[in-house]
C-alpha atoms as a PDB file:
ATOM      1  CA  MET A   1     112.262 141.106 101.795  1.00  0.00           C
ATOM      2  CA  THR A   2     115.332 140.476  99.669  1.00  0.00           C
ATOM      3  CA  GLU A   3     115.448 137.648  97.194  1.00  0.00           C
ATOM      4  CA  SER A   4     118.090 134.992  97.709  1.00  0.00           C
ATOM      5  CA  PRO A   5     120.630 134.653  94.910  1.00  0.00           C
ATOM      6  CA  LEU A   6     120.457 130.872  95.255  1.00  0.00           C
ATOM      7  CA  ILE A   7     118.319 129.459  92.474  1.00  0.00           C
ATOM      8  CA  PHE A   8     117.549 126.279  94.430  1.00  0.00           C
ATOM      9  CA  ASN A   9     115.736 128.226  97.159  1.00  0.00           C
ATOM     10  CA  THR A  10     112.705 128.534  94.881  1.00  0.00           C
ATOM     11  CA  LEU A  11     113.215 125.570  92.537  1.00  0.00           C
ATOM     12  CA  PRO A  12     110.375 123.057  93.107  1.00  0.00           C
ATOM     13  CA  LEU A  13     112.635 120.107  93.942  1.00  0.00           C
ATOM     14  CA  ASN A  14     109.835 117.741  95.004  1.00  0.00           C
ATOM     15  CA  VAL A  15     108.360 117.747  91.480  1.00  0.00           C
ATOM     16  CA  LEU A  16     111.823 117.412  89.930  1.00  0.00           C
ATOM     17  CA  ILE A  17     112.674 114.399  92.093  1.00  0.00           C
ATOM     18  CA  VAL A  18     109.410 112.610  91.308  1.00  0.00           C
ATOM     19  CA  ASN A  19     109.796 113.239  87.566  1.00  0.00           C
ATOM     20  CA  VAL A  20     113.376 111.943  87.540  1.00  0.00           C
ATOM     21  CA  ILE A  21     112.443 108.825  89.540  1.00  0.00           C
ATOM     22  CA  GLY A  22     109.500 108.121  87.222  1.00  0.00           C
ATOM     23  CA  ALA A  23     111.711 108.468  84.148  1.00  0.00           C
ATOM     24  CA  PHE A  24     114.303 106.114  85.661  1.00  0.00           C
ATOM     25  CA  ILE A  25     111.637 103.500  86.438  1.00  0.00           C
ATOM     26  CA  LEU A  26     110.313 103.816  82.889  1.00  0.00           C
ATOM     27  CA  GLY A  27     113.811 103.278  81.485  1.00  0.00           C
ATOM     28  CA  VAL A  28     114.226 100.120  83.572  1.00  0.00           C
ATOM     29  CA  PHE A  29     110.817  98.842  82.531  1.00  0.00           C
ATOM     30  CA  ILE A  30     111.449  99.431  78.824  1.00  0.00           C
ATOM     31  CA  VAL A  31     114.445  97.106  78.907  1.00  0.00           C
ATOM     32  CA  LEU A  32     112.610  94.518  81.016  1.00  0.00           C
ATOM     33  CA  SER A  33     109.574  94.518  78.741  1.00  0.00           C
ATOM     34  CA  GLN A  34     111.796  93.942  75.701  1.00  0.00           C
ATOM     35  CA  GLN A  35     113.797  91.237  77.472  1.00  0.00           C
ATOM     36  CA  TRP A  36     110.690  89.419  78.684  1.00  0.00           C
ATOM     37  CA  ASN A  37     108.707  89.988  75.449  1.00  0.00           C
ATOM     38  CA  LEU A  38     105.801  91.403  77.429  1.00  0.00           C
ATOM     39  CA  ASP A  39     102.448  91.982  75.806  1.00  0.00           C
ATOM     40  CA  GLY A  40     101.978  95.580  74.682  1.00  0.00           C
ATOM     41  CA  ARG A  41      99.119  96.026  77.145  1.00  0.00           C
ATOM     42  CA  TYR A  42     101.480  95.526  80.071  1.00  0.00           C
ATOM     43  CA  SER A  43     103.984  97.947  78.612  1.00  0.00           C
ATOM     44  CA  LEU A  44     101.232 100.506  78.124  1.00  0.00           C
ATOM     45  CA  PHE A  45     100.026  99.961  81.694  1.00  0.00           C
ATOM     46  CA  ALA A  46     103.492 100.502  83.150  1.00  0.00           C
ATOM     47  CA  ALA A  47     104.481 103.396  80.908  1.00  0.00           C
ATOM     48  CA  VAL A  48     101.247 105.366  80.827  1.00  0.00           C
ATOM     49  CA  GLY A  49      99.495 104.024  83.910  1.00  0.00           C
ATOM     50  CA  PHE A  50     102.153 103.733  86.578  1.00  0.00           C
ATOM     51  CA  CYS A  51     104.901 106.091  85.390  1.00  0.00           C
ATOM     52  CA  GLY A  52     102.389 108.575  84.009  1.00  0.00           C
ATOM     53  CA  SER A  53     100.595 108.652  87.343  1.00  0.00           C
ATOM     54  CA  LEU A  54     103.816 108.880  89.318  1.00  0.00           C
ATOM     55  CA  THR A  55     105.301 111.762  87.373  1.00  0.00           C
ATOM     56  CA  THR A  56     103.802 115.184  87.655  1.00  0.00           C
ATOM     57  CA  MET A  57     103.649 117.055  84.368  1.00  0.00           C
ATOM     58  CA  SER A  58     100.728 119.187  85.518  1.00  0.00           C
ATOM     59  CA  SER A  59     102.580 120.187  88.700  1.00  0.00           C
ATOM     60  CA  PHE A  60     105.679 120.952  86.645  1.00  0.00           C
ATOM     61  CA  ALA A  61     103.579 123.183  84.364  1.00  0.00           C
ATOM     62  CA  LEU A  62     101.935 124.932  87.330  1.00  0.00           C
ATOM     63  CA  ASP A  63     105.230 125.499  89.124  1.00  0.00           C
ATOM     64  CA  SER A  64     106.781 126.847  85.925  1.00  0.00           C
ATOM     65  CA  SER A  65     103.816 129.142  85.355  1.00  0.00           C
ATOM     66  CA  ASN A  66     104.067 130.474  88.915  1.00  0.00           C
ATOM     67  CA  LEU A  67     107.773 131.134  88.475  1.00  0.00           C
ATOM     68  CA  LEU A  68     107.040 133.019  85.251  1.00  0.00           C
ATOM     69  CA  GLU A  69     104.279 135.094  86.851  1.00  0.00           C
ATOM     70  CA  ASN A  70     106.608 136.012  89.725  1.00  0.00           C
ATOM     71  CA  ASN A  71     109.409 137.027  87.326  1.00  0.00           C
ATOM     72  CA  HIS A  72     111.775 134.281  88.523  1.00  0.00           C
ATOM     73  CA  TYR A  73     113.191 133.799  85.035  1.00  0.00           C
ATOM     74  CA  GLY A  74     116.453 132.168  86.104  1.00  0.00           C
ATOM     75  CA  THR A  75     114.652 129.681  88.306  1.00  0.00           C
ATOM     76  CA  LEU A  76     112.103 129.063  85.548  1.00  0.00           C
ATOM     77  CA  ALA A  77     114.885 128.253  83.085  1.00  0.00           C
ATOM     78  CA  ALA A  78     116.613 126.016  85.647  1.00  0.00           C
ATOM     79  CA  ASN A  79     113.302 124.262  86.402  1.00  0.00           C
ATOM     80  CA  ILE A  80     112.598 123.529  82.738  1.00  0.00           C
ATOM     81  CA  ILE A  81     116.142 122.424  81.938  1.00  0.00           C
ATOM     82  CA  ALA A  82     116.417 120.313  85.102  1.00  0.00           C
ATOM     83  CA  ASN A  83     113.058 118.558  84.694  1.00  0.00           C
ATOM     84  CA  ILE A  84     113.525 117.771  81.024  1.00  0.00           C
ATOM     85  CA  GLY A  85     117.271 117.162  81.017  1.00  0.00           C
ATOM     86  CA  LEU A  86     117.472 115.117  84.194  1.00  0.00           C
ATOM     87  CA  SER A  87     114.377 113.094  83.271  1.00  0.00           C
ATOM     88  CA  ILE A  88     115.871 112.183  79.895  1.00  0.00           C
ATOM     89  CA  GLY A  89     119.161 111.375  81.617  1.00  0.00           C
ATOM     90  CA  ALA A  90     117.376 109.232  84.195  1.00  0.00           C
ATOM     91  CA  LEU A  91     115.493 107.328  81.488  1.00  0.00           C
ATOM     92  CA  ILE A  92     118.745 106.648  79.625  1.00  0.00           C
ATOM     93  CA  GLY A  93     120.419 105.728  82.921  1.00  0.00           C
ATOM     94  CA  GLY A  94     117.634 103.289  83.808  1.00  0.00           C
ATOM     95  CA  LYS A  95     117.854 101.658  80.398  1.00  0.00           C
ATOM     96  CA  SER A  96     121.649 101.461  80.590  1.00  0.00           C
ATOM     97  CA  LEU A  97     121.672 100.052  84.114  1.00  0.00           C
ATOM     98  CA  MET A  98     119.079  97.379  83.340  1.00  0.00           C
ATOM     99  CA  SER A  99     120.827  96.455  80.075  1.00  0.00           C
ATOM    100  CA  ALA A 100     124.112  96.046  81.973  1.00  0.00           C
ATOM    101  CA  ILE A 101     122.440  93.924  84.653  1.00  0.00           C
ATOM    102  CA  ILE A 102     120.724  91.699  82.099  1.00  0.00           C
ATOM    103  CA  SER A 103     123.834  91.219  79.957  1.00  0.00           C
ATOM    104  CA  ASN A 104     125.863  89.897  82.917  1.00  0.00           C
END
């Protein structure tokens, strides 16, 4: 069986999508919690409880480990960069979007 040259054939997109969505939600919530002066317990619940449960760090680690064991180094690099980079971008995007909505 020949390996496809397309990196996205083996990239675990389901984990990537969930991590990016969770980071976006966290970014939105950070701005809302500051705007509404929420008690720290509620912020902790949303950040660690909800977003931490939604995102899948353990699945990301497992998928990355499997890619490494199967010598899919390009896909491994893309997986790491995409999960971390896009999640940070989504968090910043969520914060920016909510800040823009609130300031109008």
